[in-house]
């Protein structure tokens, strides 16, 4: 029996040691050399795993192969960006990296700790994500420092967008998210087209849009999962408008070619009413629950409700079961069954009683603020133009550095 236990232990030791050796070999194996610095097979495999984990793309053999190609390109770019930052002595700090991670986490409705715990539990080294964030942080500093003072935005450029937006203010408004893949020449255009086609195929198979945008999009909105928000027709490229007009809410477009790159647009919402969107009306709500047998009391409470400011005094007269503060919510965030009645009522009103097996719920409208539509702001327009020009400068500078780099594939 002792010999058998020793034998089993020996087999376990050999298997464990073999797996560790494989990992060690993977770390040491060279995938690419960029200006004499190594990107290992381990780095590539970790990036592939990160993309799969965060995007939800199925880990099929075909997907892994395609993602590996994209991962290698991204790692090469990041290596070049880090090298340039070291050359220019661009500083970074853990606090800056943590702040960017916090922003990503908020976009995914979680915490920085939650993201790191999630990826590490699925076999991704946390440094894989943190290094990706670090390279983006440093590159943004490089681009702003090098080109920021050279970007000029004329009043005429702002006026063109402003006038076009005003002309279209009574047309449809769109709540959108974006994925942008840029190109500078025919070779890059072909790659951008192929990548956006593959991503679109995955997105139409119900893969989450936000993490895909975070991993693949080259737009400044990538950190927010590609989220743009509400825009009017005048603020969008005509090619984009023509491709999203007939989209269903929640769906994504086919790749849209523009002058500088390809877009994939997700339509989150749409308004037809002169820019005013009832679904963006904001309500401040409180729910008061009564026992199911107290129907007369619940109705009497509803009839006597006037204002949430006087709620405490009113509740002294009733034997309510529970008071829940729902808080401020957009109509689109509330159950659809409440929409019609909420649109018909104002602050100081109650909704019809909601009955369950044990409770009667009375929903109180403490306040209501109707959406006033898109407000055309010249500063916002100028910021958008600036971001677009900065993005173009960034892609061109990276292309030049990539062209001058010595890249050796293994």
Protein backbone atom coordinates (compact mmCIF):
# COMPACT_ATOMS: atom_id res chain seq x y z
CA UNK A 1 0.00 0.00 0.00
CA UNK A 2 2.89 2.36 0.91
CA UNK A 3 4.58 1.60 -2.42
CA UNK A 4 1.32 2.40 -4.23
CA UNK A 5 1.03 5.77 -2.46
CA UNK A 6 4.64 6.57 -3.32
CA UNK A 7 3.99 5.63 -6.93
CA UNK A 8 0.90 7.88 -7.13
CA UNK A 9 2.85 10.73 -5.52
CA UNK A 10 5.66 10.26 -8.02
CA UNK A 11 3.22 10.39 -10.96
CA UNK A 12 1.59 13.54 -9.53
CA UNK A 13 5.02 15.15 -9.05
CA UNK A 14 6.07 14.33 -12.61
CA UNK A 15 2.82 15.68 -14.11
CA UNK A 16 3.05 18.88 -12.05
CA UNK A 17 6.68 19.33 -12.93
CA UNK A 18 5.89 18.69 -16.61
CA UNK A 19 3.15 21.36 -16.61
CA UNK A 20 5.49 23.84 -14.90
CA UNK A 21 8.15 23.07 -17.49
CA UNK A 22 5.63 23.71 -20.26
CA UNK A 23 4.73 27.06 -18.72
CA UNK A 24 8.41 27.90 -18.30
CA UNK A 25 9.06 26.99 -21.93
CA UNK A 26 6.08 29.08 -22.98
CA UNK A 27 7.44 32.09 -21.11
CA UNK A 28 10.89 31.63 -22.60
CA UNK A 29 9.71 30.85 -26.14
CA UNK A 30 10.01 33.88 -28.39
CA UNK A 31 7.05 34.98 -30.54
CA UNK A 32 8.37 38.33 -31.78
CA UNK A 33 11.41 40.53 -31.23
CA UNK A 34 10.74 44.27 -31.40
CA UNK A 35 13.87 46.44 -31.46
CA UNK A 36 15.77 43.73 -29.53
CA UNK A 37 13.00 43.32 -26.95
CA UNK A 38 11.14 40.02 -26.71
CA UNK A 39 7.42 39.29 -26.81
CA UNK A 40 7.11 35.71 -25.55
CA UNK A 41 4.60 33.04 -26.46
CA UNK A 42 3.35 33.39 -22.89
CA UNK A 43 2.62 37.09 -23.49
CA UNK A 44 0.67 36.23 -26.64
CA UNK A 45 -1.29 33.43 -24.98
CA UNK A 46 -2.15 35.64 -22.03
CA UNK A 47 -3.41 38.43 -24.30
CA UNK A 48 -5.52 35.96 -26.28
CA UNK A 49 -7.00 34.63 -23.05
CA UNK A 50 -7.68 38.18 -21.83
CA UNK A 51 -9.55 39.04 -25.03
CA UNK A 52 -11.60 35.84 -24.86
CA UNK A 53 -12.41 36.29 -21.17
CA UNK A 54 -13.40 39.95 -21.38
CA UNK A 55 -15.21 39.87 -24.72
CA UNK A 56 -17.10 36.60 -24.38
CA UNK A 57 -16.02 35.47 -27.85
CA UNK A 58 -16.21 31.64 -27.99
CA UNK A 59 -12.79 29.98 -27.76
CA UNK A 60 -13.11 28.00 -30.98
CA UNK A 61 -9.98 27.01 -32.86
CA UNK A 62 -10.78 29.49 -35.64
CA UNK A 63 -11.47 32.36 -33.22
CA UNK A 64 -8.31 31.71 -31.22
CA UNK A 65 -6.22 31.74 -34.41
CA UNK A 66 -7.71 35.03 -35.56
CA UNK A 67 -7.49 36.64 -32.14
CA UNK A 68 -3.86 35.51 -31.83
CA UNK A 69 -3.00 37.46 -34.98
CA UNK A 70 -4.69 40.56 -33.55
CA UNK A 71 -3.06 40.01 -30.15
CA UNK A 72 0.44 39.88 -31.69
CA UNK A 73 -0.18 43.12 -33.59
CA UNK A 74 -1.47 44.81 -30.45
CA UNK A 75 1.49 43.60 -28.37
CA UNK A 76 3.93 44.87 -31.01
CA UNK A 77 2.27 48.28 -31.00
CA UNK A 78 2.30 48.40 -27.21
CA UNK A 79 5.96 47.39 -27.10
CA UNK A 80 6.77 50.23 -29.52
CA UNK A 81 4.70 52.66 -27.45
CA UNK A 82 6.46 51.69 -24.21
CA UNK A 83 9.88 51.95 -25.90
CA UNK A 84 9.02 55.42 -27.16
CA UNK A 85 7.86 56.45 -23.68
CA UNK A 86 11.14 55.26 -22.17
CA UNK A 87 13.09 57.09 -24.86
CA UNK A 88 11.18 60.34 -24.18
CA UNK A 89 11.25 59.75 -20.39
CA UNK A 90 7.46 59.99 -20.15
CA UNK A 91 6.47 59.34 -16.53
CA UNK A 92 3.66 57.12 -15.29
CA UNK A 93 2.43 56.19 -11.85
CA UNK A 94 0.40 53.35 -10.31
CA UNK A 95 -2.24 55.92 -9.34
CA UNK A 96 -2.79 56.88 -12.99
CA UNK A 97 -3.07 53.24 -14.02
CA UNK A 98 -5.51 52.53 -11.18
CA UNK A 99 -7.60 55.54 -12.19
CA UNK A 100 -7.91 54.23 -15.77
CA UNK A 101 -8.78 50.78 -14.41
CA UNK A 102 -11.48 52.36 -12.23
CA UNK A 103 -12.95 54.08 -15.30
CA UNK A 104 -13.06 50.78 -17.16
CA UNK A 105 -14.66 49.11 -14.16
CA UNK A 106 -17.41 51.74 -13.89
CA UNK A 107 -18.21 51.24 -17.56
CA UNK A 108 -18.71 47.55 -16.80
CA UNK A 109 -20.70 48.26 -13.63
CA UNK A 110 -18.11 46.66 -11.36
CA UNK A 111 -14.98 47.63 -9.42
CA UNK A 112 -11.29 47.49 -10.27
CA UNK A 113 -10.89 44.68 -7.76
CA UNK A 114 -13.83 42.89 -9.35
CA UNK A 115 -12.26 43.02 -12.82
CA UNK A 116 -8.87 41.77 -11.62
CA UNK A 117 -10.46 39.00 -9.57
CA UNK A 118 -12.61 37.96 -12.54
CA UNK A 119 -9.74 37.66 -15.03
CA UNK A 120 -7.29 36.00 -12.62
CA UNK A 121 -9.90 33.39 -11.72
CA UNK A 122 -10.01 32.51 -15.42
CA UNK A 123 -6.27 32.11 -15.83
CA UNK A 124 -5.24 35.62 -16.88
CA UNK A 125 -2.31 37.26 -15.11
CA UNK A 126 -3.45 40.68 -13.86
CA UNK A 127 -0.26 42.22 -15.28
CA UNK A 128 -1.56 41.43 -18.77
CA UNK A 129 -4.39 43.93 -18.35
CA UNK A 130 -2.34 46.44 -16.33
CA UNK A 131 0.41 46.51 -18.96
CA UNK A 132 -2.19 47.14 -21.65
CA UNK A 133 -3.56 50.07 -19.64
CA UNK A 134 -0.04 51.38 -18.98
CA UNK A 135 0.87 51.46 -22.67
CA UNK A 136 -2.35 53.31 -23.51
CA UNK A 137 -1.73 55.83 -20.73
CA UNK A 138 1.83 56.55 -21.84
CA UNK A 139 0.91 56.71 -25.51
CA UNK A 140 -1.82 59.25 -24.85
CA UNK A 141 0.74 61.41 -23.05
CA UNK A 142 3.18 61.10 -25.96
CA UNK A 143 0.59 62.03 -28.57
CA UNK A 144 -0.81 64.96 -26.60
CA UNK A 145 2.66 66.28 -25.87
CA UNK A 146 3.86 65.93 -29.45
CA UNK A 147 0.81 67.03 -31.42
CA UNK A 148 -1.56 68.75 -28.98
CA UNK A 149 -0.26 72.26 -29.63
CA UNK A 150 -0.29 71.74 -33.41
CA UNK A 151 -3.97 70.87 -33.69
CA UNK A 152 -5.92 73.94 -34.71
CA UNK A 153 -9.69 73.97 -34.96
CA UNK A 154 -11.15 76.87 -36.87
CA UNK A 155 -14.46 78.57 -36.16
CA UNK A 156 -15.53 77.49 -39.64
CA UNK A 157 -15.07 73.80 -38.77
CA UNK A 158 -17.16 74.21 -35.63
CA UNK A 159 -19.79 76.27 -37.48
CA UNK A 160 -20.25 73.60 -40.14
CA UNK A 161 -21.06 70.95 -37.52
CA UNK A 162 -23.10 73.39 -35.44
CA UNK A 163 -25.24 74.54 -38.38
CA UNK A 164 -25.74 70.98 -39.58
CA UNK A 165 -26.81 69.92 -36.09
CA UNK A 166 -29.28 72.82 -35.78
CA UNK A 167 -30.78 71.97 -39.17
CA UNK A 168 -31.31 68.40 -38.04
CA UNK A 169 -32.37 69.11 -34.46
CA UNK A 170 -35.96 68.12 -35.18
CA UNK A 171 -34.93 64.91 -36.90
CA UNK A 172 -34.12 61.58 -35.31
CA UNK A 173 -31.75 61.41 -32.36
CA UNK A 174 -29.63 58.32 -31.77
CA UNK A 175 -28.14 56.80 -28.62
CA UNK A 176 -25.09 54.95 -29.92
CA UNK A 177 -21.91 53.08 -29.07
CA UNK A 178 -19.02 52.64 -31.49
CA UNK A 179 -16.10 50.45 -32.45
CA UNK A 180 -13.61 52.17 -34.73
CA UNK A 181 -10.75 50.55 -36.64
CA UNK A 182 -8.68 53.09 -38.56
CA UNK A 183 -6.48 52.75 -41.63
CA UNK A 184 -3.92 54.88 -43.46
CA UNK A 185 -3.24 52.91 -46.65
CA UNK A 186 -4.68 50.08 -48.78
CA UNK A 187 -2.97 47.36 -46.76
CA UNK A 188 -4.31 48.69 -43.47
CA UNK A 189 -7.73 49.22 -45.04
CA UNK A 190 -7.93 45.55 -45.98
CA UNK A 191 -6.95 44.49 -42.45
CA UNK A 192 -9.45 46.91 -40.91
CA UNK A 193 -12.23 45.63 -43.14
CA UNK A 194 -11.48 41.98 -42.30
CA UNK A 195 -11.31 42.68 -38.56
CA UNK A 196 -14.56 44.66 -38.44
CA UNK A 197 -16.29 41.93 -40.46
CA UNK A 198 -15.15 39.28 -37.97
CA UNK A 199 -16.16 41.40 -34.98
CA UNK A 200 -19.56 42.16 -36.51
CA UNK A 201 -20.16 38.45 -37.03
CA UNK A 202 -19.40 37.79 -33.36
CA UNK A 203 -21.47 40.74 -32.12
CA UNK A 204 -24.49 39.57 -34.09
CA UNK A 205 -24.16 36.26 -32.26
CA UNK A 206 -25.01 38.12 -29.05
CA UNK A 207 -21.46 38.76 -27.84
CA UNK A 208 -21.39 41.78 -25.48
CA UNK A 209 -20.48 45.00 -27.31
CA UNK A 210 -18.73 46.90 -24.51
CA UNK A 211 -15.81 44.54 -23.77
CA UNK A 212 -15.20 44.04 -27.51
CA UNK A 213 -14.98 47.82 -27.91
CA UNK A 214 -12.57 48.04 -24.99
CA UNK A 215 -10.24 45.46 -26.51
CA UNK A 216 -10.41 46.33 -30.21
CA UNK A 217 -11.67 49.89 -30.80
CA UNK A 218 -9.12 52.58 -31.62
CA UNK A 219 -11.47 55.43 -30.72
CA UNK A 220 -11.09 57.46 -27.53
CA UNK A 221 -14.46 56.02 -26.44
CA UNK A 222 -12.96 52.52 -26.07
CA UNK A 223 -12.35 53.09 -22.35
CA UNK A 224 -16.12 53.55 -21.90
CA UNK A 225 -16.93 50.42 -23.88
CA UNK A 226 -17.47 52.50 -27.01
CA UNK A 227 -20.34 54.47 -25.46
CA UNK A 228 -21.05 57.82 -27.16
CA UNK A 229 -24.56 58.67 -25.97
CA UNK A 230 -27.25 60.74 -27.68
CA UNK A 231 -26.36 62.52 -30.91
CA UNK A 232 -28.40 64.14 -33.67
CA UNK A 233 -28.19 63.32 -37.35
CA UNK A 234 -26.16 66.47 -37.96
CA UNK A 235 -23.40 65.27 -35.66
CA UNK A 236 -22.83 62.01 -37.50
CA UNK A 237 -21.13 61.10 -40.76
CA UNK A 238 -23.78 60.72 -43.51
CA UNK A 239 -22.49 57.19 -44.22
CA UNK A 240 -23.12 56.25 -40.59
CA UNK A 241 -26.62 57.76 -40.61
CA UNK A 242 -27.64 55.85 -43.73
CA UNK A 243 -26.50 52.59 -42.13
CA UNK A 244 -28.21 52.97 -38.75
CA UNK A 245 -31.54 54.57 -39.72
CA UNK A 246 -33.27 51.23 -40.06
CA UNK A 247 -31.46 49.40 -37.25
CA UNK A 248 -33.52 47.90 -34.47
CA UNK A 249 -32.73 49.15 -30.98
CA UNK A 250 -30.08 46.94 -29.40
CA UNK A 251 -28.67 45.71 -32.72
CA UNK A 252 -25.35 46.44 -34.41
CA UNK A 253 -24.58 47.70 -37.89
CA UNK A 254 -22.51 46.06 -40.57
CA UNK A 255 -19.02 47.59 -40.95
CA UNK A 256 -19.34 51.19 -42.17
CA UNK A 257 -16.47 52.56 -44.24
CA UNK A 258 -15.57 56.23 -43.78
CA UNK A 259 -12.59 58.31 -44.91
CA UNK A 260 -10.35 57.29 -41.99
CA UNK A 261 -11.60 53.85 -41.02
CA UNK A 262 -14.40 51.40 -40.41
CA UNK A 263 -17.10 51.78 -37.77
CA UNK A 264 -19.39 49.28 -36.11
CA UNK A 265 -22.32 51.09 -34.47
CA UNK A 266 -24.62 49.73 -31.78
CA UNK A 267 -27.99 51.47 -31.56
CA UNK A 268 -28.92 51.78 -27.88
CA UNK A 269 -31.95 54.01 -28.41
CA UNK A 270 -33.71 56.30 -30.86
CA UNK A 271 -35.95 59.35 -30.60
CA UNK A 272 -38.17 60.80 -33.32
CA UNK A 273 -39.64 63.75 -31.42
CA UNK A 274 -37.52 66.78 -32.18
CA UNK A 275 -34.72 65.68 -29.95
CA UNK A 276 -36.97 65.29 -26.91
CA UNK A 277 -37.03 61.71 -25.77
CA UNK A 278 -39.69 60.72 -23.21
CA UNK A 279 -37.65 57.64 -22.35
CA UNK A 280 -35.08 60.05 -20.89
CA UNK A 281 -37.61 61.71 -18.58
CA UNK A 282 -36.32 61.43 -15.01
CA UNK A 283 -38.55 60.39 -12.10
CA UNK A 284 -37.77 60.44 -8.39
CA UNK A 285 -39.80 57.60 -6.86
CA UNK A 286 -40.60 56.04 -3.49
CA UNK A 287 -42.56 52.82 -2.94
CA UNK A 288 -44.68 52.29 0.17
CA UNK A 289 -45.86 48.75 0.91
CA UNK A 290 -48.90 47.65 2.89
CA UNK A 291 -50.08 44.20 3.90
CA UNK A 292 -52.41 42.65 1.33
CA UNK A 293 -55.36 42.77 3.74
CA UNK A 294 -55.01 46.55 4.23
CA UNK A 295 -56.53 47.54 0.86
CA UNK A 296 -58.68 50.35 2.29
CA UNK A 297 -55.73 51.79 4.22
CA UNK A 298 -53.47 51.66 1.12
CA UNK A 299 -56.08 53.43 -1.01
CA UNK A 300 -56.67 56.07 1.67
CA UNK A 301 -52.91 56.70 1.87
CA UNK A 302 -52.76 57.07 -1.93
CA UNK A 303 -55.66 59.53 -1.93
CA UNK A 304 -54.05 61.69 0.78
CA UNK A 305 -50.52 61.78 -0.66
CA UNK A 306 -49.54 65.30 -1.82
CA UNK A 307 -45.75 65.57 -1.66
CA UNK A 308 -42.73 63.54 -0.59
CA UNK A 309 -41.68 66.49 1.56
CA UNK A 310 -44.71 65.78 3.75
CA UNK A 311 -44.36 61.99 3.57
CA UNK A 312 -43.02 61.45 7.10
CA UNK A 313 -45.95 63.26 8.64
CA UNK A 314 -48.44 61.39 6.46
CA UNK A 315 -46.94 57.98 7.32
CA UNK A 316 -47.58 58.61 11.04
CA UNK A 317 -51.27 58.01 10.31
CA UNK A 318 -50.78 54.58 8.69
CA UNK A 319 -49.50 51.15 9.56
CA UNK A 320 -47.37 50.68 6.48
CA UNK A 321 -45.23 47.57 6.08
CA UNK A 322 -42.16 49.02 4.35
CA UNK A 323 -40.85 52.16 2.65
CA UNK A 324 -38.37 51.76 -0.23
CA UNK A 325 -36.57 54.69 -1.82
CA UNK A 326 -36.34 53.87 -5.55
CA UNK A 327 -34.57 57.15 -6.20
CA UNK A 328 -33.97 59.04 -9.43
CA UNK A 329 -34.43 56.88 -12.52
CA UNK A 330 -34.80 57.51 -16.23
CA UNK A 331 -38.04 56.14 -17.66
CA UNK A 332 -36.04 53.73 -19.83
CA UNK A 333 -34.55 52.24 -16.64
CA UNK A 334 -37.94 51.46 -15.12
CA UNK A 335 -40.22 48.45 -15.83
CA UNK A 336 -42.11 48.88 -19.08
CA UNK A 337 -45.43 48.25 -17.34
CA UNK A 338 -45.01 51.59 -15.53
CA UNK A 339 -44.17 53.72 -18.58
CA UNK A 340 -47.65 54.68 -19.78
CA UNK A 341 -48.91 55.72 -16.36
CA UNK A 342 -45.72 57.62 -15.46
CA UNK A 343 -45.96 59.64 -18.67
CA UNK A 344 -49.51 60.64 -17.74
CA UNK A 345 -48.75 61.74 -14.17
CA UNK A 346 -46.74 64.47 -12.48
CA UNK A 347 -44.92 65.04 -9.19
CA UNK A 348 -47.24 64.66 -6.20
CA UNK A 349 -49.23 61.85 -7.84
CA UNK A 350 -49.25 58.13 -7.09
CA UNK A 351 -49.48 55.23 -9.48
CA UNK A 352 -52.26 52.67 -9.33
CA UNK A 353 -51.74 50.11 -6.55
CA UNK A 354 -49.57 47.11 -7.48
CA UNK A 355 -50.76 43.85 -5.92
CA UNK A 356 -48.70 40.78 -5.07
CA UNK A 357 -49.47 37.74 -2.91
CA UNK A 358 -48.53 39.50 0.33
CA UNK A 359 -48.23 43.22 -0.44
CA UNK A 360 -49.90 46.25 -1.91
CA UNK A 361 -47.31 48.66 -3.30
CA UNK A 362 -48.06 52.36 -3.79
CA UNK A 363 -45.47 54.14 -5.95
CA UNK A 364 -45.09 57.85 -5.22
CA UNK A 365 -43.82 60.40 -7.76
CA UNK A 366 -41.66 62.80 -5.75
CA UNK A 367 -40.35 64.69 -8.76
CA UNK A 368 -40.44 64.59 -12.57
CA UNK A 369 -38.03 66.24 -15.04
CA UNK A 370 -38.83 65.87 -18.72
CA UNK A 371 -36.06 65.53 -21.27
CA UNK A 372 -35.39 68.80 -23.10
CA UNK A 373 -33.60 67.20 -26.03
CA UNK A 374 -30.05 67.55 -27.24
CA UNK A 375 -28.44 70.85 -26.34
CA UNK A 376 -26.11 72.02 -29.10
CA UNK A 377 -22.87 73.13 -27.49
CA UNK A 378 -19.98 74.58 -29.49
CA UNK A 379 -17.43 73.50 -26.87
CA UNK A 380 -18.60 69.89 -27.14
CA UNK A 381 -18.41 70.06 -30.93
CA UNK A 382 -14.88 71.45 -30.72
CA UNK A 383 -13.87 68.69 -28.27
CA UNK A 384 -15.19 66.04 -30.67
CA UNK A 385 -13.27 67.50 -33.61
CA UNK A 386 -10.15 67.68 -31.45
CA UNK A 387 -10.50 64.00 -30.45
CA UNK A 388 -10.92 62.95 -34.08
CA UNK A 389 -7.83 64.87 -35.19
CA UNK A 390 -5.81 63.60 -32.24
CA UNK A 391 -6.84 60.04 -33.07
CA UNK A 392 -5.65 60.48 -36.65
CA UNK A 393 -2.32 61.92 -35.47
CA UNK A 394 -1.93 59.02 -33.05
CA UNK A 395 -2.47 56.37 -35.72
CA UNK A 396 -0.07 58.07 -38.14
CA UNK A 397 2.69 58.47 -35.55
CA UNK A 398 2.38 54.84 -34.48
CA UNK A 399 2.47 53.77 -38.13
CA UNK A 400 5.72 55.73 -38.63
CA UNK A 401 7.32 54.20 -35.53
CA UNK A 402 6.21 50.74 -36.61
CA UNK A 403 7.71 51.30 -40.05
CA UNK A 404 11.08 52.29 -38.52
CA UNK A 405 11.10 49.46 -35.97
CA UNK A 406 13.07 46.23 -36.43
CA UNK A 407 10.46 43.49 -36.01
CA UNK A 408 11.45 39.84 -36.21
CA UNK A 409 8.80 37.11 -36.10
CA UNK A 410 9.73 33.67 -34.76
